[in-house]
């Protein structure tokens, strides 16, 4: 595995966020594996945090289809990255890891996870809202997201315009279709 992401000409990277605490039997693992397969079939490189759960599932799905799989790992973690990565980038701290997960991606899919997933989603969403990065698809996959976002809007300063930056999908197929349609307009 390389220590740098490299720069393949015309490479289109999609980052998948999700929790580390799920197993093969869990719905989010199944969703993530299918997302990885579909993205690889569509010619995307997938990028994850590189470890277990949703990250492993998405990596596994893409790897099964011969896709390129980037893992952005962190030196502070003592856990080994998942075995489905084709390339990994080691980062010294959390903030750099987040930056690497975001900056070269033409789209994002968030699958059920914990506070790490919420942190990643919030940072991407904020960067899109404040135009720190250009517009790109941010897809929330699964039935858990609409009620969470409604509660954020009810209790926090989250406007309808803020919500308009998000896409919601019920199935991996729907999520990847949104990525395919909207990411073609993204320039990095």
N, C-alpha and C. Protein backbone atom coordinates (compact mmCIF):
# COMPACT_ATOMS: atom_id res chain seq x y z
N UNK A 1 0.84 -1.19 0.00
CA UNK A 1 0.00 0.00 0.00
C UNK A 1 0.87 1.23 0.00
N UNK A 2 0.41 2.23 -0.67
CA UNK A 2 1.20 3.45 -0.76
C UNK A 2 0.96 4.34 0.44
N UNK A 3 1.87 5.28 0.62
CA UNK A 3 1.73 6.23 1.71
C UNK A 3 1.14 7.53 1.24
N UNK A 4 0.77 7.62 -0.02
CA UNK A 4 0.19 8.84 -0.54
C UNK A 4 -0.98 8.47 -1.44
N UNK A 5 -1.92 9.37 -1.56
CA UNK A 5 -3.10 9.07 -2.35
C UNK A 5 -2.81 9.02 -3.84
N UNK A 6 -1.72 9.63 -4.28
CA UNK A 6 -1.46 9.65 -5.71
C UNK A 6 -2.49 10.51 -6.41
N UNK A 7 -2.33 10.69 -7.67
CA UNK A 7 -3.26 11.51 -8.42
C UNK A 7 -3.46 10.91 -9.79
N UNK A 8 -4.36 9.97 -9.90
CA UNK A 8 -4.67 9.40 -11.19
C UNK A 8 -5.48 10.43 -11.97
N UNK A 9 -5.09 10.64 -13.21
CA UNK A 9 -5.77 11.64 -14.03
C UNK A 9 -7.26 11.30 -14.14
N UNK A 10 -8.09 12.27 -13.86
CA UNK A 10 -9.52 12.09 -13.99
C UNK A 10 -10.17 11.24 -12.89
N UNK A 11 -9.42 10.90 -11.86
CA UNK A 11 -9.96 10.08 -10.78
C UNK A 11 -11.11 10.80 -10.08
N UNK A 12 -12.18 10.08 -9.86
CA UNK A 12 -13.35 10.63 -9.18
C UNK A 12 -13.53 9.86 -7.87
N UNK A 13 -13.33 10.55 -6.75
CA UNK A 13 -13.35 9.93 -5.43
C UNK A 13 -14.67 10.24 -4.73
N UNK A 14 -15.28 9.22 -4.13
CA UNK A 14 -16.46 9.40 -3.30
C UNK A 14 -16.10 8.87 -1.90
N UNK A 15 -16.33 9.70 -0.89
CA UNK A 15 -16.05 9.31 0.48
C UNK A 15 -17.31 8.80 1.14
N UNK A 16 -17.15 7.68 1.85
CA UNK A 16 -18.26 7.06 2.57
C UNK A 16 -17.97 7.16 4.06
N UNK A 17 -18.90 7.78 4.79
CA UNK A 17 -18.80 7.92 6.23
C UNK A 17 -19.75 6.93 6.90
N UNK A 18 -19.34 6.38 8.03
CA UNK A 18 -20.22 5.49 8.77
C UNK A 18 -19.50 4.90 9.95
N UNK A 19 -20.24 4.27 10.81
CA UNK A 19 -19.72 3.77 12.07
C UNK A 19 -18.84 2.55 11.97
N UNK A 20 -17.98 2.39 12.96
CA UNK A 20 -17.09 1.24 13.04
C UNK A 20 -17.73 0.09 13.82
N UNK A 21 -18.83 0.35 14.49
CA UNK A 21 -19.40 -0.63 15.42
C UNK A 21 -20.60 -1.37 14.82
N UNK A 22 -20.39 -2.01 13.68
CA UNK A 22 -21.44 -2.86 13.13
C UNK A 22 -20.78 -4.10 12.54
N UNK A 23 -21.58 -5.13 12.38
CA UNK A 23 -21.07 -6.40 11.85
C UNK A 23 -21.76 -6.72 10.53
N UNK A 24 -21.32 -7.80 9.90
CA UNK A 24 -21.85 -8.19 8.59
C UNK A 24 -23.37 -8.36 8.59
N UNK A 25 -23.96 -8.70 9.71
CA UNK A 25 -25.40 -8.94 9.78
C UNK A 25 -26.21 -7.64 9.87
N UNK A 26 -25.57 -6.53 10.18
CA UNK A 26 -26.29 -5.27 10.38
C UNK A 26 -26.65 -4.61 9.04
N UNK A 27 -27.79 -3.92 9.05
CA UNK A 27 -28.29 -3.28 7.83
C UNK A 27 -27.29 -2.29 7.25
N UNK A 28 -26.61 -1.52 8.11
CA UNK A 28 -25.68 -0.52 7.58
C UNK A 28 -24.45 -1.17 6.92
N UNK A 29 -24.04 -2.33 7.40
CA UNK A 29 -22.93 -3.05 6.77
C UNK A 29 -23.35 -3.49 5.36
N UNK A 30 -24.55 -4.07 5.28
CA UNK A 30 -25.07 -4.53 3.98
C UNK A 30 -25.20 -3.35 3.02
N UNK A 31 -25.74 -2.24 3.50
CA UNK A 31 -25.88 -1.03 2.66
C UNK A 31 -24.51 -0.56 2.17
N UNK A 32 -23.56 -0.47 3.08
CA UNK A 32 -22.24 0.06 2.73
C UNK A 32 -21.53 -0.84 1.71
N UNK A 33 -21.65 -2.14 1.89
CA UNK A 33 -21.01 -3.07 0.95
C UNK A 33 -21.60 -2.88 -0.45
N UNK A 34 -22.92 -2.74 -0.50
CA UNK A 34 -23.58 -2.54 -1.80
C UNK A 34 -23.18 -1.18 -2.40
N UNK A 35 -23.09 -0.16 -1.59
CA UNK A 35 -22.63 1.16 -2.07
C UNK A 35 -21.24 1.04 -2.68
N UNK A 36 -20.34 0.34 -1.98
CA UNK A 36 -18.99 0.15 -2.50
C UNK A 36 -18.99 -0.56 -3.85
N UNK A 37 -19.82 -1.59 -3.98
CA UNK A 37 -19.92 -2.32 -5.24
C UNK A 37 -20.41 -1.40 -6.37
N UNK A 38 -21.49 -0.69 -6.10
CA UNK A 38 -22.09 0.17 -7.12
C UNK A 38 -21.16 1.32 -7.53
N UNK A 39 -20.48 1.91 -6.56
CA UNK A 39 -19.54 2.99 -6.89
C UNK A 39 -18.38 2.47 -7.73
N UNK A 40 -17.85 1.30 -7.37
CA UNK A 40 -16.76 0.72 -8.17
C UNK A 40 -17.25 0.40 -9.58
N UNK A 41 -18.44 -0.15 -9.68
CA UNK A 41 -19.02 -0.46 -11.00
C UNK A 41 -19.17 0.80 -11.85
N UNK A 42 -19.44 1.94 -11.19
CA UNK A 42 -19.61 3.21 -11.90
C UNK A 42 -18.28 3.92 -12.16
N UNK A 43 -17.16 3.30 -11.74
CA UNK A 43 -15.85 3.85 -12.04
C UNK A 43 -15.29 4.81 -11.00
N UNK A 44 -15.93 4.90 -9.84
CA UNK A 44 -15.43 5.79 -8.78
C UNK A 44 -14.39 5.07 -7.93
N UNK A 45 -13.46 5.85 -7.40
CA UNK A 45 -12.58 5.40 -6.33
C UNK A 45 -13.33 5.68 -5.04
N UNK A 46 -13.32 4.74 -4.11
CA UNK A 46 -13.97 5.04 -2.85
C UNK A 46 -12.93 5.34 -1.79
N UNK A 47 -13.33 6.17 -0.86
CA UNK A 47 -12.46 6.60 0.22
C UNK A 47 -13.23 6.43 1.52
N UNK A 48 -12.57 5.86 2.53
CA UNK A 48 -13.18 5.71 3.85
C UNK A 48 -12.12 6.01 4.90
N UNK A 49 -12.55 5.97 6.15
CA UNK A 49 -11.61 6.11 7.26
C UNK A 49 -10.72 4.90 7.43
N UNK A 50 -10.97 3.81 6.71
CA UNK A 50 -10.05 2.69 6.61
C UNK A 50 -10.15 1.59 7.63
N UNK A 51 -11.07 1.69 8.57
CA UNK A 51 -11.10 0.69 9.64
C UNK A 51 -12.29 -0.26 9.50
N UNK A 52 -13.01 -0.55 10.58
CA UNK A 52 -14.02 -1.61 10.60
C UNK A 52 -15.42 -1.09 10.30
N UNK A 53 -16.41 -1.95 10.43
CA UNK A 53 -17.81 -1.57 10.28
C UNK A 53 -18.15 -1.11 8.89
N UNK A 54 -18.81 0.03 8.80
CA UNK A 54 -19.22 0.60 7.51
C UNK A 54 -18.01 0.83 6.61
N UNK A 55 -16.91 1.28 7.20
CA UNK A 55 -15.69 1.53 6.41
C UNK A 55 -15.20 0.24 5.75
N UNK A 56 -15.18 -0.84 6.51
CA UNK A 56 -14.77 -2.13 5.96
C UNK A 56 -15.75 -2.61 4.90
N UNK A 57 -17.03 -2.47 5.18
CA UNK A 57 -18.05 -2.96 4.25
C UNK A 57 -17.97 -2.26 2.90
N UNK A 58 -17.85 -0.93 2.92
CA UNK A 58 -17.74 -0.18 1.66
C UNK A 58 -16.47 -0.56 0.92
N UNK A 59 -15.38 -0.69 1.68
CA UNK A 59 -14.10 -1.09 1.09
C UNK A 59 -14.21 -2.48 0.47
N UNK A 60 -14.84 -3.37 1.20
CA UNK A 60 -15.02 -4.75 0.72
C UNK A 60 -15.82 -4.79 -0.58
N UNK A 61 -16.93 -4.05 -0.60
CA UNK A 61 -17.77 -4.04 -1.79
C UNK A 61 -17.02 -3.54 -3.02
N UNK A 62 -16.28 -2.45 -2.86
CA UNK A 62 -15.51 -1.91 -3.99
C UNK A 62 -14.38 -2.85 -4.39
N UNK A 63 -13.71 -3.43 -3.40
CA UNK A 63 -12.61 -4.35 -3.66
C UNK A 63 -13.09 -5.58 -4.43
N UNK A 64 -14.27 -6.08 -4.07
CA UNK A 64 -14.86 -7.24 -4.76
C UNK A 64 -15.10 -6.96 -6.23
N UNK A 65 -15.30 -5.71 -6.58
CA UNK A 65 -15.56 -5.33 -7.97
C UNK A 65 -14.31 -4.79 -8.67
N UNK A 66 -13.16 -4.90 -8.01
CA UNK A 66 -11.91 -4.45 -8.62
C UNK A 66 -11.68 -2.96 -8.54
N UNK A 67 -12.41 -2.28 -7.67
CA UNK A 67 -12.27 -0.83 -7.55
C UNK A 67 -11.09 -0.42 -6.69
N UNK A 68 -10.71 0.83 -6.84
CA UNK A 68 -9.65 1.41 -6.00
C UNK A 68 -10.27 1.86 -4.69
N UNK A 69 -9.60 1.52 -3.58
CA UNK A 69 -10.13 1.81 -2.25
C UNK A 69 -9.05 2.51 -1.43
N UNK A 70 -9.30 3.78 -1.12
CA UNK A 70 -8.39 4.56 -0.28
C UNK A 70 -8.85 4.52 1.17
N UNK A 71 -7.92 4.31 2.06
CA UNK A 71 -8.21 4.39 3.48
C UNK A 71 -7.38 5.50 4.10
N UNK A 72 -8.05 6.45 4.75
CA UNK A 72 -7.35 7.53 5.42
C UNK A 72 -7.29 7.14 6.90
N UNK A 73 -6.14 6.66 7.31
CA UNK A 73 -5.97 6.11 8.64
C UNK A 73 -5.24 7.12 9.53
N UNK A 74 -5.24 6.83 10.82
CA UNK A 74 -4.64 7.78 11.75
C UNK A 74 -3.59 7.07 12.60
N UNK A 75 -2.42 7.66 12.69
CA UNK A 75 -1.30 7.08 13.44
C UNK A 75 -1.66 6.82 14.90
N UNK A 76 -2.55 7.62 15.47
CA UNK A 76 -2.92 7.48 16.88
C UNK A 76 -3.72 6.21 17.16
N UNK A 77 -4.38 5.66 16.14
CA UNK A 77 -5.17 4.45 16.34
C UNK A 77 -4.26 3.23 16.32
N UNK A 78 -4.45 2.33 17.25
CA UNK A 78 -3.63 1.12 17.33
C UNK A 78 -4.25 -0.05 16.57
N UNK A 79 -5.45 0.13 16.05
CA UNK A 79 -6.16 -0.90 15.30
C UNK A 79 -5.60 -0.97 13.88
N UNK A 80 -5.50 -2.17 13.34
CA UNK A 80 -5.06 -2.34 11.96
C UNK A 80 -6.17 -1.92 11.00
N UNK A 81 -5.83 -1.29 9.86
CA UNK A 81 -6.83 -0.96 8.85
C UNK A 81 -7.46 -2.24 8.29
N UNK A 82 -8.60 -2.09 7.64
CA UNK A 82 -9.24 -3.27 7.07
C UNK A 82 -8.44 -3.80 5.88
N UNK A 83 -8.62 -5.04 5.56
CA UNK A 83 -7.80 -5.72 4.55
C UNK A 83 -8.22 -5.45 3.11
N UNK A 84 -9.28 -4.68 2.91
CA UNK A 84 -9.78 -4.44 1.57
C UNK A 84 -9.23 -3.16 0.92
N UNK A 85 -8.39 -2.44 1.62
CA UNK A 85 -7.83 -1.20 1.08
C UNK A 85 -6.82 -1.53 -0.02
N UNK A 86 -6.83 -0.74 -1.08
CA UNK A 86 -5.78 -0.87 -2.09
C UNK A 86 -4.69 0.16 -1.86
N UNK A 87 -5.03 1.25 -1.18
CA UNK A 87 -4.07 2.31 -0.84
C UNK A 87 -4.46 2.88 0.51
N UNK A 88 -3.46 3.33 1.26
CA UNK A 88 -3.78 4.00 2.51
C UNK A 88 -2.88 5.21 2.68
N UNK A 89 -3.43 6.17 3.39
CA UNK A 89 -2.70 7.38 3.74
C UNK A 89 -2.76 7.49 5.25
N UNK A 90 -1.61 7.53 5.90
CA UNK A 90 -1.56 7.68 7.35
C UNK A 90 -1.48 9.16 7.70
N UNK A 91 -2.31 9.58 8.62
CA UNK A 91 -2.33 10.98 9.05
C UNK A 91 -1.96 11.04 10.53
N UNK A 92 -1.35 12.16 10.95
CA UNK A 92 -0.89 12.26 12.34
C UNK A 92 -2.00 12.58 13.34
N UNK A 93 -3.09 13.22 12.88
CA UNK A 93 -4.14 13.62 13.82
C UNK A 93 -5.49 13.69 13.13
N UNK A 94 -6.52 13.81 13.97
CA UNK A 94 -7.90 13.74 13.53
C UNK A 94 -8.25 14.80 12.49
N UNK A 95 -7.81 16.03 12.71
CA UNK A 95 -8.20 17.10 11.79
C UNK A 95 -7.64 16.86 10.39
N UNK A 96 -6.39 16.45 10.30
CA UNK A 96 -5.83 16.17 8.98
C UNK A 96 -6.55 15.00 8.32
N UNK A 97 -6.90 14.02 9.12
CA UNK A 97 -7.66 12.88 8.58
C UNK A 97 -8.98 13.36 7.98
N UNK A 98 -9.70 14.19 8.71
CA UNK A 98 -10.95 14.74 8.19
C UNK A 98 -10.74 15.52 6.90
N UNK A 99 -9.71 16.35 6.88
CA UNK A 99 -9.42 17.13 5.68
C UNK A 99 -9.17 16.21 4.47
N UNK A 100 -8.39 15.17 4.68
CA UNK A 100 -8.08 14.23 3.60
C UNK A 100 -9.31 13.47 3.13
N UNK A 101 -10.22 13.19 4.04
CA UNK A 101 -11.46 12.51 3.66
C UNK A 101 -12.36 13.40 2.80
N UNK A 102 -12.17 14.70 2.91
CA UNK A 102 -13.09 15.65 2.28
C UNK A 102 -12.56 16.28 1.00
N UNK A 103 -11.32 16.76 1.00
CA UNK A 103 -10.89 17.73 0.00
C UNK A 103 -10.88 17.22 -1.44
N UNK A 104 -10.56 15.97 -1.69
CA UNK A 104 -10.46 15.50 -3.06
C UNK A 104 -11.69 14.74 -3.53
N UNK A 105 -12.74 14.72 -2.72
CA UNK A 105 -13.93 13.94 -3.05
C UNK A 105 -14.94 14.77 -3.84
N UNK A 106 -15.56 14.10 -4.81
CA UNK A 106 -16.60 14.75 -5.62
C UNK A 106 -17.99 14.51 -5.04
N UNK A 107 -18.07 13.69 -3.99
CA UNK A 107 -19.34 13.42 -3.35
C UNK A 107 -19.14 12.60 -2.09
N UNK A 108 -20.20 12.54 -1.29
CA UNK A 108 -20.14 11.89 0.02
C UNK A 108 -21.43 11.12 0.26
N UNK A 109 -21.28 9.98 0.92
CA UNK A 109 -22.45 9.22 1.37
C UNK A 109 -22.24 8.93 2.86
N UNK A 110 -23.22 9.33 3.68
CA UNK A 110 -23.18 9.05 5.11
C UNK A 110 -24.18 7.95 5.43
N UNK A 111 -23.68 6.92 6.12
CA UNK A 111 -24.49 5.77 6.53
C UNK A 111 -24.48 5.76 8.05
N UNK A 112 -25.50 5.21 8.64
CA UNK A 112 -25.66 5.21 10.10
C UNK A 112 -24.35 4.92 10.84
N UNK A 113 -24.07 5.75 11.82
CA UNK A 113 -22.87 5.59 12.64
C UNK A 113 -23.06 6.30 13.96
N UNK A 114 -21.97 6.67 14.58
CA UNK A 114 -22.01 7.35 15.87
C UNK A 114 -21.56 8.79 15.75
N UNK A 115 -20.94 9.29 16.81
CA UNK A 115 -20.56 10.70 16.85
C UNK A 115 -19.45 11.03 15.84
N UNK A 116 -18.59 10.07 15.52
CA UNK A 116 -17.58 10.31 14.49
C UNK A 116 -18.25 10.59 13.14
N UNK A 117 -19.27 9.81 12.83
CA UNK A 117 -20.01 10.02 11.58
C UNK A 117 -20.71 11.37 11.58
N UNK A 118 -21.32 11.73 12.72
CA UNK A 118 -21.98 13.03 12.84
C UNK A 118 -20.95 14.16 12.66
N UNK A 119 -19.77 13.99 13.23
CA UNK A 119 -18.71 14.99 13.09
C UNK A 119 -18.31 15.16 11.62
N UNK A 120 -18.10 14.04 10.94
CA UNK A 120 -17.70 14.09 9.53
C UNK A 120 -18.79 14.72 8.68
N UNK A 121 -20.02 14.28 8.87
CA UNK A 121 -21.15 14.83 8.14
C UNK A 121 -21.28 16.33 8.39
N UNK A 122 -21.19 16.74 9.65
CA UNK A 122 -21.34 18.15 10.00
C UNK A 122 -20.25 19.00 9.37
N UNK A 123 -19.03 18.52 9.36
CA UNK A 123 -17.93 19.29 8.78
C UNK A 123 -18.11 19.45 7.27
N UNK A 124 -18.44 18.37 6.58
CA UNK A 124 -18.67 18.48 5.13
C UNK A 124 -19.82 19.42 4.85
N UNK A 125 -20.91 19.25 5.55
CA UNK A 125 -22.11 20.07 5.36
C UNK A 125 -21.78 21.54 5.58
N UNK A 126 -21.03 21.84 6.65
CA UNK A 126 -20.65 23.21 6.93
C UNK A 126 -19.74 23.78 5.85
N UNK A 127 -18.81 22.98 5.36
CA UNK A 127 -17.90 23.45 4.31
C UNK A 127 -18.66 23.76 3.01
N UNK A 128 -19.69 22.96 2.73
CA UNK A 128 -20.53 23.23 1.54
C UNK A 128 -21.34 24.50 1.76
N UNK A 129 -21.97 24.62 2.93
CA UNK A 129 -22.81 25.79 3.24
C UNK A 129 -22.02 27.09 3.18
N UNK A 130 -20.80 27.07 3.70
CA UNK A 130 -20.00 28.30 3.76
C UNK A 130 -19.14 28.49 2.52
N UNK A 131 -19.29 27.60 1.57
CA UNK A 131 -18.58 27.65 0.28
C UNK A 131 -17.05 27.54 0.43
N UNK A 132 -16.61 26.89 1.52
CA UNK A 132 -15.20 26.57 1.67
C UNK A 132 -14.80 25.54 0.61
N UNK A 133 -15.74 24.66 0.31
CA UNK A 133 -15.60 23.77 -0.85
C UNK A 133 -16.80 24.02 -1.75
N UNK A 134 -16.62 23.74 -3.02
CA UNK A 134 -17.71 23.94 -3.97
C UNK A 134 -18.84 22.96 -3.73
N UNK A 135 -19.97 23.21 -4.35
CA UNK A 135 -21.12 22.32 -4.18
C UNK A 135 -20.78 20.91 -4.64
N UNK A 136 -21.22 19.94 -3.87
CA UNK A 136 -21.07 18.54 -4.24
C UNK A 136 -22.12 17.74 -3.47
N UNK A 137 -22.49 16.58 -4.00
CA UNK A 137 -23.54 15.82 -3.34
C UNK A 137 -23.12 15.28 -1.97
N UNK A 138 -24.03 15.46 -1.02
CA UNK A 138 -23.88 14.91 0.33
C UNK A 138 -25.15 14.11 0.59
N UNK A 139 -25.03 12.80 0.44
CA UNK A 139 -26.19 11.91 0.50
C UNK A 139 -26.25 11.22 1.86
N UNK A 140 -27.40 11.32 2.51
CA UNK A 140 -27.62 10.64 3.78
C UNK A 140 -28.45 9.39 3.48
N UNK A 141 -27.83 8.24 3.62
CA UNK A 141 -28.45 6.97 3.24
C UNK A 141 -29.04 6.27 4.46
N UNK A 142 -30.35 6.01 4.40
CA UNK A 142 -31.01 5.24 5.44
C UNK A 142 -32.11 6.01 6.13
N UNK A 143 -32.98 5.27 6.78
CA UNK A 143 -34.16 5.87 7.42
C UNK A 143 -33.84 6.60 8.71
N UNK A 144 -32.62 6.44 9.24
CA UNK A 144 -32.26 7.13 10.49
C UNK A 144 -32.10 8.64 10.29
N UNK A 145 -31.73 9.07 9.08
CA UNK A 145 -31.34 10.47 8.90
C UNK A 145 -32.48 11.49 8.89
N UNK A 146 -33.61 11.25 8.19
CA UNK A 146 -34.64 12.30 8.17
C UNK A 146 -35.12 12.74 9.56
N UNK A 147 -35.39 11.81 10.51
CA UNK A 147 -35.81 12.31 11.83
C UNK A 147 -34.70 13.06 12.58
N UNK A 148 -33.47 12.66 12.39
CA UNK A 148 -32.35 13.36 13.03
C UNK A 148 -32.25 14.78 12.48
N UNK A 149 -32.31 14.92 11.18
CA UNK A 149 -32.20 16.24 10.56
C UNK A 149 -33.40 17.11 10.94
N UNK A 150 -34.59 16.51 11.02
CA UNK A 150 -35.77 17.28 11.48
C UNK A 150 -35.56 17.81 12.90
N UNK A 151 -34.98 16.99 13.77
CA UNK A 151 -34.71 17.44 15.14
C UNK A 151 -33.66 18.55 15.18
N UNK A 152 -32.64 18.42 14.34
CA UNK A 152 -31.64 19.49 14.26
C UNK A 152 -32.32 20.79 13.83
N UNK A 153 -33.19 20.69 12.83
CA UNK A 153 -33.86 21.89 12.35
C UNK A 153 -34.80 22.46 13.41
N UNK A 154 -35.41 21.60 14.18
CA UNK A 154 -36.34 22.04 15.23
C UNK A 154 -35.60 22.72 16.38
N UNK A 155 -34.43 22.20 16.75
CA UNK A 155 -33.76 22.68 17.97
C UNK A 155 -32.50 23.51 17.74
N UNK A 156 -31.99 23.51 16.52
CA UNK A 156 -30.77 24.27 16.21
C UNK A 156 -31.07 25.29 15.13
N UNK A 157 -30.10 26.11 14.81
CA UNK A 157 -30.26 27.12 13.76
C UNK A 157 -29.94 26.48 12.40
N UNK A 158 -30.86 25.63 11.95
CA UNK A 158 -30.72 24.92 10.67
C UNK A 158 -31.91 25.33 9.80
N UNK A 159 -31.62 26.00 8.69
CA UNK A 159 -32.67 26.55 7.83
C UNK A 159 -33.04 25.57 6.71
N UNK A 160 -34.12 25.91 6.01
CA UNK A 160 -34.50 25.12 4.83
C UNK A 160 -33.40 25.16 3.78
N UNK A 161 -32.72 26.31 3.64
CA UNK A 161 -31.60 26.41 2.70
C UNK A 161 -30.47 25.47 3.09
N UNK A 162 -30.22 25.35 4.40
CA UNK A 162 -29.20 24.41 4.87
C UNK A 162 -29.57 22.98 4.48
N UNK A 163 -30.83 22.62 4.69
CA UNK A 163 -31.31 21.28 4.38
C UNK A 163 -31.23 21.01 2.88
N UNK A 164 -31.39 22.04 2.08
CA UNK A 164 -31.34 21.88 0.62
C UNK A 164 -29.99 21.39 0.13
N UNK A 165 -28.95 21.53 0.94
CA UNK A 165 -27.62 21.05 0.56
C UNK A 165 -27.50 19.53 0.71
N UNK A 166 -28.49 18.91 1.33
CA UNK A 166 -28.46 17.47 1.58
C UNK A 166 -29.34 16.72 0.60
N UNK A 167 -28.98 15.48 0.34
CA UNK A 167 -29.84 14.56 -0.40
C UNK A 167 -30.10 13.37 0.51
N UNK A 168 -31.29 12.83 0.43
CA UNK A 168 -31.66 11.67 1.23
C UNK A 168 -31.94 10.50 0.31
N UNK A 169 -31.50 9.31 0.72
CA UNK A 169 -31.72 8.11 -0.07
C UNK A 169 -32.12 6.97 0.86
N UNK A 170 -32.99 6.13 0.38
CA UNK A 170 -33.43 4.96 1.15
C UNK A 170 -32.63 3.71 0.82
N UNK A 171 -32.09 3.65 -0.41
CA UNK A 171 -31.38 2.45 -0.86
C UNK A 171 -29.99 2.82 -1.38
N UNK A 172 -29.07 1.86 -1.38
CA UNK A 172 -27.76 2.11 -1.98
C UNK A 172 -27.86 2.53 -3.45
N UNK A 173 -28.78 1.91 -4.17
CA UNK A 173 -28.96 2.24 -5.58
C UNK A 173 -29.36 3.70 -5.77
N UNK A 174 -30.27 4.16 -4.94
CA UNK A 174 -30.72 5.55 -5.00
C UNK A 174 -29.56 6.50 -4.62
N UNK A 175 -28.80 6.16 -3.60
CA UNK A 175 -27.68 6.99 -3.17
C UNK A 175 -26.64 7.13 -4.28
N UNK A 176 -26.28 6.02 -4.90
CA UNK A 176 -25.27 6.05 -5.96
C UNK A 176 -25.79 6.75 -7.20
N UNK A 177 -27.08 6.62 -7.50
CA UNK A 177 -27.66 7.35 -8.63
C UNK A 177 -27.54 8.86 -8.41
N UNK A 178 -27.77 9.32 -7.19
CA UNK A 178 -27.62 10.75 -6.87
C UNK A 178 -26.17 11.17 -7.06
N UNK A 179 -25.24 10.37 -6.56
CA UNK A 179 -23.81 10.67 -6.72
C UNK A 179 -23.45 10.75 -8.20
N UNK A 180 -23.88 9.78 -8.98
CA UNK A 180 -23.55 9.76 -10.41
C UNK A 180 -24.11 11.00 -11.12
N UNK A 181 -25.34 11.35 -10.80
CA UNK A 181 -25.98 12.49 -11.46
C UNK A 181 -25.34 13.82 -11.05
N UNK A 182 -25.12 14.02 -9.77
CA UNK A 182 -24.68 15.32 -9.27
C UNK A 182 -23.17 15.52 -9.29
N UNK A 183 -22.39 14.44 -9.20
CA UNK A 183 -20.93 14.61 -9.13
C UNK A 183 -20.33 14.99 -10.47
N UNK A 184 -21.04 14.76 -11.55
CA UNK A 184 -20.49 15.13 -12.86
C UNK A 184 -20.32 16.64 -13.00
N UNK A 185 -21.01 17.40 -12.16
CA UNK A 185 -20.93 18.87 -12.20
C UNK A 185 -19.84 19.42 -11.27
N UNK A 186 -19.21 18.56 -10.47
CA UNK A 186 -18.24 19.01 -9.47
C UNK A 186 -16.88 19.25 -10.10
N UNK A 187 -16.31 20.41 -9.79
CA UNK A 187 -14.92 20.66 -10.16
C UNK A 187 -14.15 20.91 -8.88
N UNK A 188 -13.01 20.26 -8.77
CA UNK A 188 -12.22 20.38 -7.53
C UNK A 188 -11.22 21.50 -7.64
